[in-house]
């Protein structure tokens, strides 16, 4: 099976970016639920940073 030239697919890059954003919210003092709600709002509104 051929491997892509860049092992980080667009989807993997987006997931990594969202996880880093989540970790930043947690470090800033957000609860797990608060962090996930903010990320959900970002994704739903098409403002994904990745």
PDB file of N, CA and C in Angstrom:
ATOM      1  N   UNK A   1       0.846  -1.178   0.000  1.00  0.00           N
ATOM      2  CA  UNK A   1       0.000   0.000   0.000  1.00  0.00           C
ATOM      3  C   UNK A   1       0.889   1.239   0.000  1.00  0.00           C
ATOM      4  N   UNK A   2       0.561   2.184  -0.873  1.00  0.00           N
ATOM      5  CA  UNK A   2       1.332   3.422  -0.947  1.00  0.00           C
ATOM      6  C   UNK A   2       1.060   4.297   0.266  1.00  0.00           C
ATOM      7  N   UNK A   3       2.110   4.916   0.757  1.00  0.00           N
ATOM      8  CA  UNK A   3       1.999   5.846   1.873  1.00  0.00           C
ATOM      9  C   UNK A   3       1.987   7.268   1.324  1.00  0.00           C
ATOM     10  N   UNK A   4       1.210   8.152   1.932  1.00  0.00           N
ATOM     11  CA  UNK A   4       1.237   9.551   1.469  1.00  0.00           C
ATOM     12  C   UNK A   4       2.601  10.161   1.735  1.00  0.00           C
ATOM     13  N   UNK A   5       2.968  11.146   0.924  1.00  0.00           N
ATOM     14  CA  UNK A   5       4.259  11.816   1.092  1.00  0.00           C
ATOM     15  C   UNK A   5       4.369  12.430   2.479  1.00  0.00           C
ATOM     16  N   UNK A   6       3.277  12.991   2.963  1.00  0.00           N
ATOM     17  CA  UNK A   6       3.227  13.576   4.302  1.00  0.00           C
ATOM     18  C   UNK A   6       2.327  12.683   5.150  1.00  0.00           C
ATOM     19  N   UNK A   7       2.889  12.043   6.179  1.00  0.00           N
ATOM     20  CA  UNK A   7       2.067  11.122   6.969  1.00  0.00           C
ATOM     21  C   UNK A   7       0.945  11.810   7.748  1.00  0.00           C
ATOM     22  N   UNK A   8       1.024  13.126   7.919  1.00  0.00           N
ATOM     23  CA  UNK A   8      -0.042  13.866   8.606  1.00  0.00           C
ATOM     24  C   UNK A   8      -1.078  14.295   7.574  1.00  0.00           C
ATOM     25  N   UNK A   9      -2.199  13.601   7.548  1.00  0.00           N
ATOM     26  CA  UNK A   9      -3.274  13.983   6.642  1.00  0.00           C
ATOM     27  C   UNK A   9      -3.920  15.271   7.148  1.00  0.00           C
ATOM     28  N   UNK A  10      -4.721  15.861   6.315  1.00  0.00           N
ATOM     29  CA  UNK A  10      -5.430  17.079   6.706  1.00  0.00           C
ATOM     30  C   UNK A  10      -6.296  16.818   7.926  1.00  0.00           C
ATOM     31  N   UNK A  11      -6.959  15.677   7.944  1.00  0.00           N
ATOM     32  CA  UNK A  11      -7.804  15.332   9.086  1.00  0.00           C
ATOM     33  C   UNK A  11      -6.980  15.157  10.357  1.00  0.00           C
ATOM     34  N   UNK A  12      -5.828  14.503  10.248  1.00  0.00           N
ATOM     35  CA  UNK A  12      -4.962  14.309  11.412  1.00  0.00           C
ATOM     36  C   UNK A  12      -4.436  15.650  11.927  1.00  0.00           C
ATOM     37  N   UNK A  13      -4.103  16.544  11.015  1.00  0.00           N
ATOM     38  CA  UNK A  13      -3.629  17.871  11.427  1.00  0.00           C
ATOM     39  C   UNK A  13      -4.733  18.632  12.159  1.00  0.00           C
ATOM     40  N   UNK A  14      -5.960  18.543  11.658  1.00  0.00           N
ATOM     41  CA  UNK A  14      -7.080  19.227  12.300  1.00  0.00           C
ATOM     42  C   UNK A  14      -7.331  18.649  13.694  1.00  0.00           C
ATOM     43  N   UNK A  15      -7.290  17.322  13.800  1.00  0.00           N
ATOM     44  CA  UNK A  15      -7.502  16.678  15.101  1.00  0.00           C
ATOM     45  C   UNK A  15      -6.419  17.082  16.089  1.00  0.00           C
ATOM     46  N   UNK A  16      -5.189  17.148  15.626  1.00  0.00           N
ATOM     47  CA  UNK A  16      -4.079  17.562  16.487  1.00  0.00           C
ATOM     48  C   UNK A  16      -4.270  18.998  16.960  1.00  0.00           C
ATOM     49  N   UNK A  17      -4.665  19.866  16.051  1.00  0.00           N
ATOM     50  CA  UNK A  17      -4.902  21.268  16.407  1.00  0.00           C
ATOM     51  C   UNK A  17      -6.016  21.421  17.428  1.00  0.00           C
ATOM     52  N   UNK A  18      -7.089  20.659  17.248  1.00  0.00           N
ATOM     53  CA  UNK A  18      -8.200  20.735  18.196  1.00  0.00           C
ATOM     54  C   UNK A  18      -7.799  20.181  19.555  1.00  0.00           C
ATOM     55  N   UNK A  19      -6.985  19.140  19.567  1.00  0.00           N
ATOM     56  CA  UNK A  19      -6.524  18.590  20.848  1.00  0.00           C
ATOM     57  C   UNK A  19      -5.634  19.596  21.572  1.00  0.00           C
ATOM     58  N   UNK A  20      -4.759  20.267  20.840  1.00  0.00           N
ATOM     59  CA  UNK A  20      -3.904  21.290  21.446  1.00  0.00           C
ATOM     60  C   UNK A  20      -4.752  22.443  21.984  1.00  0.00           C
ATOM     61  N   UNK A  21      -5.796  22.804  21.255  1.00  0.00           N
ATOM     62  CA  UNK A  21      -6.703  23.850  21.721  1.00  0.00           C
ATOM     63  C   UNK A  21      -7.400  23.414  23.003  1.00  0.00           C
ATOM     64  N   UNK A  22      -7.871  22.177  23.027  1.00  0.00           N
ATOM     65  CA  UNK A  22      -8.504  21.608  24.222  1.00  0.00           C
ATOM     66  C   UNK A  22      -7.549  21.670  25.412  1.00  0.00           C
ATOM     67  N   UNK A  23      -6.320  21.220  25.214  1.00  0.00           N
ATOM     68  CA  UNK A  23      -5.329  21.233  26.293  1.00  0.00           C
ATOM     69  C   UNK A  23      -5.079  22.662  26.780  1.00  0.00           C
ATOM     70  N   UNK A  24      -5.089  23.622  25.876  1.00  0.00           N
ATOM     71  CA  UNK A  24      -4.898  25.027  26.260  1.00  0.00           C
ATOM     72  C   UNK A  24      -6.050  25.531  27.116  1.00  0.00           C
ATOM     73  N   UNK A  25      -7.265  25.159  26.749  1.00  0.00           N
ATOM     74  CA  UNK A  25      -8.415  25.554  27.563  1.00  0.00           C
ATOM     75  C   UNK A  25      -8.339  24.940  28.960  1.00  0.00           C
ATOM     76  N   UNK A  26      -7.967  23.690  29.047  1.00  0.00           N
ATOM     77  CA  UNK A  26      -7.837  23.020  30.346  1.00  0.00           C
ATOM     78  C   UNK A  26      -6.759  23.716  31.184  1.00  0.00           C
ATOM     79  N   UNK A  27      -5.623  24.021  30.564  1.00  0.00           N
ATOM     80  CA  UNK A  27      -4.533  24.703  31.277  1.00  0.00           C
ATOM     81  C   UNK A  27      -4.959  26.091  31.751  1.00  0.00           C
ATOM     82  N   UNK A  28      -5.891  26.712  31.009  1.00  0.00           N
ATOM     83  CA  UNK A  28      -6.368  28.046  31.376  1.00  0.00           C
ATOM     84  C   UNK A  28      -7.436  28.012  32.465  1.00  0.00           C
ATOM     85  N   UNK A  29      -7.857  26.806  32.852  1.00  0.00           N
ATOM     86  CA  UNK A  29      -8.809  26.699  33.950  1.00  0.00           C
ATOM     87  C   UNK A  29     -10.224  26.306  33.560  1.00  0.00           C
ATOM     88  N   UNK A  30     -10.459  26.078  32.277  1.00  0.00           N
ATOM     89  CA  UNK A  30     -11.781  25.618  31.858  1.00  0.00           C
ATOM     90  C   UNK A  30     -11.991  24.188  32.351  1.00  0.00           C
ATOM     91  N   UNK A  31     -13.232  23.838  32.636  1.00  0.00           N
ATOM     92  CA  UNK A  31     -13.536  22.443  32.943  1.00  0.00           C
ATOM     93  C   UNK A  31     -13.540  21.670  31.625  1.00  0.00           C
ATOM     94  N   UNK A  32     -13.548  20.350  31.720  1.00  0.00           N
ATOM     95  CA  UNK A  32     -13.592  19.506  30.526  1.00  0.00           C
ATOM     96  C   UNK A  32     -14.826  19.852  29.691  1.00  0.00           C
ATOM     97  N   UNK A  33     -15.970  19.939  30.344  1.00  0.00           N
ATOM     98  CA  UNK A  33     -17.205  20.226  29.623  1.00  0.00           C
ATOM     99  C   UNK A  33     -17.188  21.616  28.979  1.00  0.00           C
ATOM    100  N   UNK A  34     -16.664  22.602  29.676  1.00  0.00           N
ATOM    101  CA  UNK A  34     -16.575  23.949  29.113  1.00  0.00           C
ATOM    102  C   UNK A  34     -15.661  23.954  27.880  1.00  0.00           C
ATOM    103  N   UNK A  35     -14.520  23.317  27.994  1.00  0.00           N
ATOM    104  CA  UNK A  35     -13.571  23.270  26.885  1.00  0.00           C
ATOM    105  C   UNK A  35     -14.198  22.601  25.665  1.00  0.00           C
ATOM    106  N   UNK A  36     -14.899  21.494  25.894  1.00  0.00           N
ATOM    107  CA  UNK A  36     -15.526  20.793  24.781  1.00  0.00           C
ATOM    108  C   UNK A  36     -16.652  21.608  24.156  1.00  0.00           C
ATOM    109  N   UNK A  37     -17.392  22.341  24.958  1.00  0.00           N
ATOM    110  CA  UNK A  37     -18.463  23.184  24.418  1.00  0.00           C
ATOM    111  C   UNK A  37     -17.894  24.305  23.549  1.00  0.00           C
ATOM    112  N   UNK A  38     -16.803  24.916  23.978  1.00  0.00           N
ATOM    113  CA  UNK A  38     -16.188  25.979  23.177  1.00  0.00           C
ATOM    114  C   UNK A  38     -15.670  25.391  21.868  1.00  0.00           C
ATOM    115  N   UNK A  39     -15.011  24.254  21.933  1.00  0.00           N
ATOM    116  CA  UNK A  39     -14.491  23.614  20.720  1.00  0.00           C
ATOM    117  C   UNK A  39     -15.637  23.213  19.796  1.00  0.00           C
ATOM    118  N   UNK A  40     -16.714  22.697  20.367  1.00  0.00           N
ATOM    119  CA  UNK A  40     -17.886  22.343  19.558  1.00  0.00           C
ATOM    120  C   UNK A  40     -18.410  23.576  18.826  1.00  0.00           C
ATOM    121  N   UNK A  41     -18.502  24.699  19.516  1.00  0.00           N
ATOM    122  CA  UNK A  41     -18.991  25.932  18.893  1.00  0.00           C
ATOM    123  C   UNK A  41     -18.060  26.380  17.764  1.00  0.00           C
ATOM    124  N   UNK A  42     -16.769  26.241  17.971  1.00  0.00           N
ATOM    125  CA  UNK A  42     -15.795  26.615  16.936  1.00  0.00           C
ATOM    126  C   UNK A  42     -15.973  25.745  15.696  1.00  0.00           C
ATOM    127  N   UNK A  43     -16.107  24.444  15.893  1.00  0.00           N
ATOM    128  CA  UNK A  43     -16.242  23.521  14.769  1.00  0.00           C
ATOM    129  C   UNK A  43     -17.575  23.736  14.047  1.00  0.00           C
ATOM    130  N   UNK A  44     -18.656  23.862  14.807  1.00  0.00           N
ATOM    131  CA  UNK A  44     -19.975  24.027  14.206  1.00  0.00           C
ATOM    132  C   UNK A  44     -20.055  25.313  13.383  1.00  0.00           C
ATOM    133  N   UNK A  45     -19.393  26.357  13.839  1.00  0.00           N
ATOM    134  CA  UNK A  45     -19.427  27.635  13.149  1.00  0.00           C
ATOM    135  C   UNK A  45     -18.350  27.773  12.073  1.00  0.00           C
ATOM    136  N   UNK A  46     -17.621  26.698  11.833  1.00  0.00           N
ATOM    137  CA  UNK A  46     -16.627  26.710  10.751  1.00  0.00           C
ATOM    138  C   UNK A  46     -15.411  27.548  11.040  1.00  0.00           C
ATOM    139  N   UNK A  47     -15.066  27.696  12.296  1.00  0.00           N
ATOM    140  CA  UNK A  47     -13.913  28.510  12.674  1.00  0.00           C
ATOM    141  C   UNK A  47     -12.736  27.668  13.149  1.00  0.00           C
ATOM    142  N   UNK A  48     -12.672  26.422  12.710  1.00  0.00           N
ATOM    143  CA  UNK A  48     -11.620  25.507  13.141  1.00  0.00           C
ATOM    144  C   UNK A  48     -10.246  26.074  12.796  1.00  0.00           C
ATOM    145  N   UNK A  49      -9.342  26.157  13.802  1.00  0.00           N
ATOM    146  CA  UNK A  49      -8.035  26.771  13.564  1.00  0.00           C
ATOM    147  C   UNK A  49      -7.105  25.943  12.699  1.00  0.00           C
ATOM    148  N   UNK A  50      -7.375  24.664  12.556  1.00  0.00           N
ATOM    149  CA  UNK A  50      -6.459  23.799  11.814  1.00  0.00           C
ATOM    150  C   UNK A  50      -6.691  23.857  10.326  1.00  0.00           C
TER     151      UNK A  50
END
